[in-house]
Amino acid sequence: MTAPEELLKRLRGLSTKELVSVAARFRLGDDLRDVPAATKFALLSVARRYEALSEEIADLDAHLDRLVAQVAPELLSLVGIGTDNAATLLIVAGDNPQRLGSEASFASLCGVSPVEASSGKVVRHRLNRGGNRDANRALHLICVVRMRVDERTRRYVARRTAEGKSKREIMRCLKRYMAREVYGLLVAGHRLRRFVPEEGRAVAVIGVT
């Protein structure tokens, strides 16, 4: 935004990807005391760092994709759950999700268990602001995706809206249902990974670490 006008005209309107591509290939003048040359030098430095970090992120994402697919393919099969959200929920559950005792405990851990907020004859619940906020955010994002692309979820939202529920109340209910669904898969998957046949005997296998 503070570049000389001639350079600004060249870069204005470019997308981030295009801007980085152009800036990373700037040719600098001999005298960096020249304002256009100094500006190009600064943009070149930032663009190359952007490219390096983007490549590192891509490598880490690919590695995470493989790990999550190996550990919990059942989670990735659910609508709206990608690698990042699945990894977050796996971390929160830990290597022994059965320690939580019930899906209600997992929901509480994720901060999606209902909290009583009734007054007089009005019976209602509010969002739980406790629990693990990363897990809560993961369930929230899954909920947002399902409300947009999953037909069953959209029918549920329409029905609860017709009953007078607010969007916030509906999302609270959806996150609670999703916590139940995720917990069931985590426990079932942990049992399958814990004992697998090998040469006619059962051997312990490390689940999520």
C-alpha atoms as a PDB file:
ATOM      1  CA  MET A   1       0.000   0.000   0.000  1.00  0.00           C
ATOM      2  CA  THR A   2       2.957   2.362   0.499  1.00  0.00           C
ATOM      3  CA  ALA A   3       4.805   1.305  -2.651  1.00  0.00           C
ATOM      4  CA  PRO A   4       5.666   3.894  -5.311  1.00  0.00           C
ATOM      5  CA  GLU A   5       2.742   4.499  -7.654  1.00  0.00           C
ATOM      6  CA  GLU A   6       4.351   2.760 -10.640  1.00  0.00           C
ATOM      7  CA  LEU A   7       4.925  -0.419  -8.631  1.00  0.00           C
ATOM      8  CA  LEU A   8       1.534  -0.157  -6.963  1.00  0.00           C
ATOM      9  CA  LYS A   9      -0.218  -0.091 -10.345  1.00  0.00           C
ATOM     10  CA  ARG A  10       1.579  -3.308 -11.292  1.00  0.00           C
ATOM     11  CA  LEU A  11       0.531  -5.127  -8.125  1.00  0.00           C
ATOM     12  CA  ARG A  12      -2.932  -3.694  -7.521  1.00  0.00           C
ATOM     13  CA  GLY A  13      -5.757  -6.199  -8.056  1.00  0.00           C
ATOM     14  CA  LEU A  14      -3.604  -9.316  -7.791  1.00  0.00           C
ATOM     15  CA  SER A  15      -4.757 -12.192  -5.595  1.00  0.00           C
ATOM     16  CA  THR A  16      -2.491 -13.236  -2.726  1.00  0.00           C
ATOM     17  CA  LYS A  17      -1.153 -16.183  -4.744  1.00  0.00           C
ATOM     18  CA  GLU A  18      -0.461 -14.000  -7.758  1.00  0.00           C
ATOM     19  CA  LEU A  19       1.114 -11.263  -5.633  1.00  0.00           C
ATOM     20  CA  VAL A  20       3.471 -13.735  -3.957  1.00  0.00           C
ATOM     21  CA  SER A  21       4.410 -15.277  -7.306  1.00  0.00           C
ATOM     22  CA  VAL A  22       5.284 -11.876  -8.797  1.00  0.00           C
ATOM     23  CA  ALA A  23       7.079 -10.517  -5.726  1.00  0.00           C
ATOM     24  CA  ALA A  24       9.173 -13.662  -5.245  1.00  0.00           C
ATOM     25  CA  ARG A  25      10.690 -13.122  -8.692  1.00  0.00           C
ATOM     26  CA  PHE A  26      11.484  -9.412  -8.495  1.00  0.00           C
ATOM     27  CA  ARG A  27      14.805  -8.323  -9.936  1.00  0.00           C
ATOM     28  CA  LEU A  28      16.474  -5.767  -7.738  1.00  0.00           C
ATOM     29  CA  GLY A  29      18.446  -2.757  -8.818  1.00  0.00           C
ATOM     30  CA  ASP A  30      22.025  -2.144  -7.743  1.00  0.00           C
ATOM     31  CA  ASP A  31      21.191   0.695  -5.384  1.00  0.00           C
ATOM     32  CA  LEU A  32      18.863  -0.295  -2.541  1.00  0.00           C
ATOM     33  CA  ARG A  33      18.725   3.341  -1.455  1.00  0.00           C
ATOM     34  CA  ASP A  34      16.401   3.771  -4.415  1.00  0.00           C
ATOM     35  CA  VAL A  35      12.813   3.621  -3.092  1.00  0.00           C
ATOM     36  CA  PRO A  36      11.376   1.266  -5.767  1.00  0.00           C
ATOM     37  CA  ALA A  37      14.362  -1.092  -5.369  1.00  0.00           C
ATOM     38  CA  ALA A  38      14.075  -1.060  -1.576  1.00  0.00           C
ATOM     39  CA  THR A  39      10.342  -1.742  -1.793  1.00  0.00           C
ATOM     40  CA  LYS A  40      10.952  -4.670  -4.141  1.00  0.00           C
ATOM     41  CA  PHE A  41      13.599  -6.017  -1.759  1.00  0.00           C
ATOM     42  CA  ALA A  42      11.129  -5.960   1.147  1.00  0.00           C
ATOM     43  CA  LEU A  43       8.380  -7.608  -0.915  1.00  0.00           C
ATOM     44  CA  LEU A  44      10.803 -10.218  -2.264  1.00  0.00           C
ATOM     45  CA  SER A  45      11.856 -11.186   1.267  1.00  0.00           C
ATOM     46  CA  VAL A  46       8.278 -11.540   2.508  1.00  0.00           C
ATOM     47  CA  ALA A  47       7.157 -13.449  -0.595  1.00  0.00           C
ATOM     48  CA  ARG A  48       9.961 -16.004  -0.356  1.00  0.00           C
ATOM     49  CA  ARG A  49       9.240 -16.552   3.308  1.00  0.00           C
ATOM     50  CA  TYR A  50       5.539 -16.987   2.447  1.00  0.00           C
ATOM     51  CA  GLU A  51       6.429 -19.641  -0.140  1.00  0.00           C
ATOM     52  CA  ALA A  52       8.736 -21.485   2.271  1.00  0.00           C
ATOM     53  CA  LEU A  53       6.146 -21.525   5.047  1.00  0.00           C
ATOM     54  CA  SER A  54       3.393 -22.594   2.629  1.00  0.00           C
ATOM     55  CA  GLU A  55       5.533 -25.536   1.510  1.00  0.00           C
ATOM     56  CA  GLU A  56       6.204 -26.495   5.129  1.00  0.00           C
ATOM     57  CA  ILE A  57       2.484 -26.292   5.954  1.00  0.00           C
ATOM     58  CA  ALA A  58       1.666 -28.514   2.961  1.00  0.00           C
ATOM     59  CA  ASP A  59       4.206 -31.125   4.125  1.00  0.00           C
ATOM     60  CA  LEU A  60       2.814 -31.089   7.668  1.00  0.00           C
ATOM     61  CA  ASP A  61      -0.768 -31.323   6.401  1.00  0.00           C
ATOM     62  CA  ALA A  62       0.127 -34.356   4.267  1.00  0.00           C
ATOM     63  CA  HIS A  63       1.794 -36.015   7.258  1.00  0.00           C
ATOM     64  CA  LEU A  64      -1.209 -35.287   9.472  1.00  0.00           C
ATOM     65  CA  ASP A  65      -3.561 -36.657   6.794  1.00  0.00           C
ATOM     66  CA  ARG A  66      -1.717 -39.982   6.843  1.00  0.00           C
ATOM     67  CA  LEU A  67      -1.654 -40.209  10.638  1.00  0.00           C
ATOM     68  CA  VAL A  68      -5.346 -39.464  11.116  1.00  0.00           C
ATOM     69  CA  ALA A  69      -6.333 -41.817   8.285  1.00  0.00           C
ATOM     70  CA  GLN A  70      -4.359 -44.605   9.955  1.00  0.00           C
ATOM     71  CA  VAL A  71      -5.629 -43.979  13.481  1.00  0.00           C
ATOM     72  CA  ALA A  72      -9.269 -43.007  12.954  1.00  0.00           C
ATOM     73  CA  PRO A  73     -10.554 -43.574   9.410  1.00  0.00           C
ATOM     74  CA  GLU A  74     -14.047 -43.937  10.871  1.00  0.00           C
ATOM     75  CA  LEU A  75     -14.014 -40.277  11.936  1.00  0.00           C
ATOM     76  CA  LEU A  76     -13.068 -39.099   8.466  1.00  0.00           C
ATOM     77  CA  SER A  77     -16.006 -41.027   7.043  1.00  0.00           C
ATOM     78  CA  LEU A  78     -18.466 -38.746   8.850  1.00  0.00           C
ATOM     79  CA  VAL A  79     -20.008 -35.821   7.012  1.00  0.00           C
ATOM     80  CA  GLY A  80     -18.262 -32.528   7.722  1.00  0.00           C
ATOM     81  CA  ILE A  81     -15.213 -33.953   9.509  1.00  0.00           C
ATOM     82  CA  GLY A  82     -11.854 -33.280   7.889  1.00  0.00           C
ATOM     83  CA  THR A  83      -8.345 -34.008   9.061  1.00  0.00           C
ATOM     84  CA  ASP A  84      -7.901 -30.943  11.286  1.00  0.00           C
ATOM     85  CA  ASN A  85     -11.146 -31.389  13.219  1.00  0.00           C
ATOM     86  CA  ALA A  86     -10.640 -35.144  13.526  1.00  0.00           C
ATOM     87  CA  ALA A  87      -7.114 -34.609  14.875  1.00  0.00           C
ATOM     88  CA  THR A  88      -8.396 -32.088  17.432  1.00  0.00           C
ATOM     89  CA  LEU A  89     -11.055 -34.493  18.718  1.00  0.00           C
ATOM     90  CA  LEU A  90      -8.550 -37.361  18.863  1.00  0.00           C
ATOM     91  CA  ILE A  91      -6.167 -35.263  20.955  1.00  0.00           C
ATOM     92  CA  VAL A  92      -8.942 -34.293  23.360  1.00  0.00           C
ATOM     93  CA  ALA A  93     -10.130 -37.898  23.742  1.00  0.00           C
ATOM     94  CA  GLY A  94      -6.586 -39.115  24.383  1.00  0.00           C
ATOM     95  CA  ASP A  95      -5.234 -42.637  23.962  1.00  0.00           C
ATOM     96  CA  ASN A  96      -8.010 -44.164  26.082  1.00  0.00           C
ATOM     97  CA  PRO A  97     -11.399 -42.566  25.347  1.00  0.00           C
ATOM     98  CA  GLN A  98     -13.089 -45.250  27.462  1.00  0.00           C
ATOM     99  CA  ARG A  99     -11.692 -43.549  30.569  1.00  0.00           C
ATOM    100  CA  LEU A 100     -14.377 -40.895  30.124  1.00  0.00           C
ATOM    101  CA  GLY A 101     -17.021 -43.432  31.088  1.00  0.00           C
ATOM    102  CA  SER A 102     -19.808 -42.144  28.854  1.00  0.00           C
ATOM    103  CA  GLU A 103     -20.606 -39.945  25.901  1.00  0.00           C
ATOM    104  CA  ALA A 104     -22.009 -37.407  28.365  1.00  0.00           C
ATOM    105  CA  SER A 105     -18.524 -37.085  29.886  1.00  0.00           C
ATOM    106  CA  PHE A 106     -17.024 -36.549  26.448  1.00  0.00           C
ATOM    107  CA  ALA A 107     -19.660 -33.912  25.662  1.00  0.00           C
ATOM    108  CA  SER A 108     -18.809 -32.131  28.905  1.00  0.00           C
ATOM    109  CA  LEU A 109     -15.109 -32.326  28.099  1.00  0.00           C
ATOM    110  CA  CYS A 110     -15.833 -30.708  24.726  1.00  0.00           C
ATOM    111  CA  GLY A 111     -17.982 -27.991  26.325  1.00  0.00           C
ATOM    112  CA  VAL A 112     -21.179 -29.001  24.536  1.00  0.00           C
ATOM    113  CA  SER A 113     -23.192 -30.434  27.416  1.00  0.00           C
ATOM    114  CA  PRO A 114     -26.391 -28.455  28.127  1.00  0.00           C
ATOM    115  CA  VAL A 115     -26.350 -26.051  31.065  1.00  0.00           C
ATOM    116  CA  GLU A 116     -29.626 -25.390  32.883  1.00  0.00           C
ATOM    117  CA  ALA A 117     -30.816 -21.817  32.418  1.00  0.00           C
ATOM    118  CA  SER A 118     -34.517 -22.110  33.214  1.00  0.00           C
ATOM    119  CA  SER A 119     -36.447 -19.298  34.846  1.00  0.00           C
ATOM    120  CA  GLY A 120     -39.911 -19.669  36.330  1.00  0.00           C
ATOM    121  CA  LYS A 121     -42.072 -21.626  33.912  1.00  0.00           C
ATOM    122  CA  VAL A 122     -39.624 -21.170  31.043  1.00  0.00           C
ATOM    123  CA  VAL A 123     -37.451 -24.270  30.603  1.00  0.00           C
ATOM    124  CA  ARG A 124     -34.324 -23.660  28.576  1.00  0.00           C
ATOM    125  CA  HIS A 125     -30.625 -24.438  28.413  1.00  0.00           C
ATOM    126  CA  ARG A 126     -27.659 -22.331  27.384  1.00  0.00           C
ATOM    127  CA  LEU A 127     -24.326 -23.046  25.765  1.00  0.00           C
ATOM    128  CA  ASN A 128     -21.635 -24.501  27.990  1.00  0.00           C
ATOM    129  CA  ARG A 129     -18.699 -22.092  28.052  1.00  0.00           C
ATOM    130  CA  GLY A 130     -16.437 -24.566  29.835  1.00  0.00           C
ATOM    131  CA  GLY A 131     -14.613 -27.603  28.501  1.00  0.00           C
ATOM    132  CA  ASN A 132     -11.911 -27.770  25.878  1.00  0.00           C
ATOM    133  CA  ARG A 133     -12.383 -24.807  23.539  1.00  0.00           C
ATOM    134  CA  ASP A 134     -10.477 -26.398  20.652  1.00  0.00           C
ATOM    135  CA  ALA A 135     -12.820 -29.394  20.718  1.00  0.00           C
ATOM    136  CA  ASN A 136     -15.808 -27.078  21.003  1.00  0.00           C
ATOM    137  CA  ARG A 137     -14.626 -25.127  17.971  1.00  0.00           C
ATOM    138  CA  ALA A 138     -14.090 -28.350  16.007  1.00  0.00           C
ATOM    139  CA  LEU A 139     -17.657 -29.479  16.722  1.00  0.00           C
ATOM    140  CA  HIS A 140     -18.932 -26.006  15.861  1.00  0.00           C
ATOM    141  CA  LEU A 141     -17.202 -26.089  12.463  1.00  0.00           C
ATOM    142  CA  ILE A 142     -18.539 -29.578  11.775  1.00  0.00           C
ATOM    143  CA  CYS A 143     -21.994 -28.310  12.679  1.00  0.00           C
ATOM    144  CA  VAL A 144     -21.676 -25.353  10.282  1.00  0.00           C
ATOM    145  CA  VAL A 145     -20.640 -27.638   7.416  1.00  0.00           C
ATOM    146  CA  ARG A 146     -23.458 -30.091   8.061  1.00  0.00           C
ATOM    147  CA  MET A 147     -26.043 -27.335   8.198  1.00  0.00           C
ATOM    148  CA  ARG A 148     -24.903 -26.324   4.742  1.00  0.00           C
ATOM    149  CA  VAL A 149     -24.412 -29.667   2.944  1.00  0.00           C
ATOM    150  CA  ASP A 150     -26.086 -32.481   4.898  1.00  0.00           C
ATOM    151  CA  GLU A 151     -29.748 -32.995   4.011  1.00  0.00           C
ATOM    152  CA  ARG A 152     -30.609 -34.795   7.237  1.00  0.00           C
ATOM    153  CA  THR A 153     -29.158 -31.948   9.304  1.00  0.00           C
ATOM    154  CA  ARG A 154     -30.992 -29.367   7.214  1.00  0.00           C
ATOM    155  CA  ARG A 155     -34.293 -31.151   7.822  1.00  0.00           C
ATOM    156  CA  TYR A 156     -33.553 -31.207  11.553  1.00  0.00           C
ATOM    157  CA  VAL A 157     -32.787 -27.476  11.551  1.00  0.00           C
ATOM    158  CA  ALA A 158     -36.012 -26.729   9.673  1.00  0.00           C
ATOM    159  CA  ARG A 159     -38.061 -28.791  12.122  1.00  0.00           C
ATOM    160  CA  ARG A 160     -36.539 -27.225  15.238  1.00  0.00           C
ATOM    161  CA  THR A 161     -36.872 -23.745  13.724  1.00  0.00           C
ATOM    162  CA  ALA A 162     -40.570 -24.400  13.167  1.00  0.00           C
ATOM    163  CA  GLU A 163     -40.789 -25.345  16.862  1.00  0.00           C
ATOM    164  CA  GLY A 164     -39.509 -21.899  17.788  1.00  0.00           C
ATOM    165  CA  LYS A 165     -35.884 -22.757  18.561  1.00  0.00           C
ATOM    166  CA  SER A 166     -33.242 -20.109  17.872  1.00  0.00           C
ATOM    167  CA  LYS A 167     -30.238 -20.835  15.673  1.00  0.00           C
ATOM    168  CA  ARG A 168     -27.979 -20.825  18.731  1.00  0.00           C
ATOM    169  CA  GLU A 169     -30.174 -23.353  20.527  1.00  0.00           C
ATOM    170  CA  ILE A 170     -30.304 -25.567  17.444  1.00  0.00           C
ATOM    171  CA  MET A 171     -26.522 -25.501  17.075  1.00  0.00           C
ATOM    172  CA  ARG A 172     -26.139 -26.401  20.744  1.00  0.00           C
ATOM    173  CA  CYS A 173     -28.334 -29.459  20.192  1.00  0.00           C
ATOM    174  CA  LEU A 174     -26.466 -30.426  17.030  1.00  0.00           C
ATOM    175  CA  LYS A 175     -23.073 -30.186  18.729  1.00  0.00           C
ATOM    176  CA  ARG A 176     -24.349 -32.407  21.520  1.00  0.00           C
ATOM    177  CA  TYR A 177     -25.530 -35.007  19.005  1.00  0.00           C
ATOM    178  CA  MET A 178     -22.226 -34.853  17.159  1.00  0.00           C
ATOM    179  CA  ALA A 179     -20.283 -35.351  20.392  1.00  0.00           C
ATOM    180  CA  ARG A 180     -22.324 -38.504  20.981  1.00  0.00           C
ATOM    181  CA  GLU A 181     -21.639 -39.741  17.455  1.00  0.00           C
ATOM    182  CA  VAL A 182     -17.913 -39.007  17.656  1.00  0.00           C
ATOM    183  CA  TYR A 183     -17.530 -40.618  21.078  1.00  0.00           C
ATOM    184  CA  GLY A 184     -19.168 -43.827  19.878  1.00  0.00           C
ATOM    185  CA  LEU A 185     -16.771 -44.080  16.957  1.00  0.00           C
ATOM    186  CA  LEU A 186     -13.733 -43.247  19.089  1.00  0.00           C
ATOM    187  CA  VAL A 187     -14.543 -45.968  21.616  1.00  0.00           C
ATOM    188  CA  ALA A 188     -15.356 -48.556  18.947  1.00  0.00           C
ATOM    189  CA  GLY A 189     -12.208 -47.697  17.005  1.00  0.00           C
ATOM    190  CA  HIS A 190     -10.070 -47.880  20.139  1.00  0.00           C
ATOM    191  CA  ARG A 191     -11.355 -51.381  20.915  1.00  0.00           C
ATOM    192  CA  LEU A 192     -10.577 -52.568  17.389  1.00  0.00           C
ATOM    193  CA  ARG A 193      -7.056 -51.123  17.488  1.00  0.00           C
ATOM    194  CA  ARG A 194      -6.307 -52.438  20.936  1.00  0.00           C
ATOM    195  CA  PHE A 195      -6.615 -56.115  20.039  1.00  0.00           C
ATOM    196  CA  VAL A 196      -5.887 -57.327  16.525  1.00  0.00           C
ATOM    197  CA  PRO A 197      -5.121 -60.908  15.407  1.00  0.00           C
ATOM    198  CA  GLU A 198      -1.520 -61.715  14.625  1.00  0.00           C
ATOM    199  CA  GLU A 199      -0.366 -65.281  14.112  1.00  0.00           C
ATOM    200  CA  GLY A 200      -3.331 -66.628  16.036  1.00  0.00           C
ATOM    201  CA  ARG A 201      -2.954 -64.485  19.149  1.00  0.00           C
ATOM    202  CA  ALA A 202      -4.156 -61.105  20.395  1.00  0.00           C
ATOM    203  CA  VAL A 203      -1.579 -58.353  20.696  1.00  0.00           C
ATOM    204  CA  ALA A 204      -1.923 -54.874  22.171  1.00  0.00           C
ATOM    205  CA  VAL A 205      -1.702 -52.037  19.709  1.00  0.00           C
ATOM    206  CA  ILE A 206      -1.124 -48.383  20.564  1.00  0.00           C
ATOM    207  CA  GLY A 207      -4.104 -46.286  19.625  1.00  0.00           C
ATOM    208  CA  VAL A 208      -3.996 -42.504  19.660  1.00  0.00           C
ATOM    209  CA  THR A 209      -0.916 -40.920  21.220  1.00  0.00           C
END
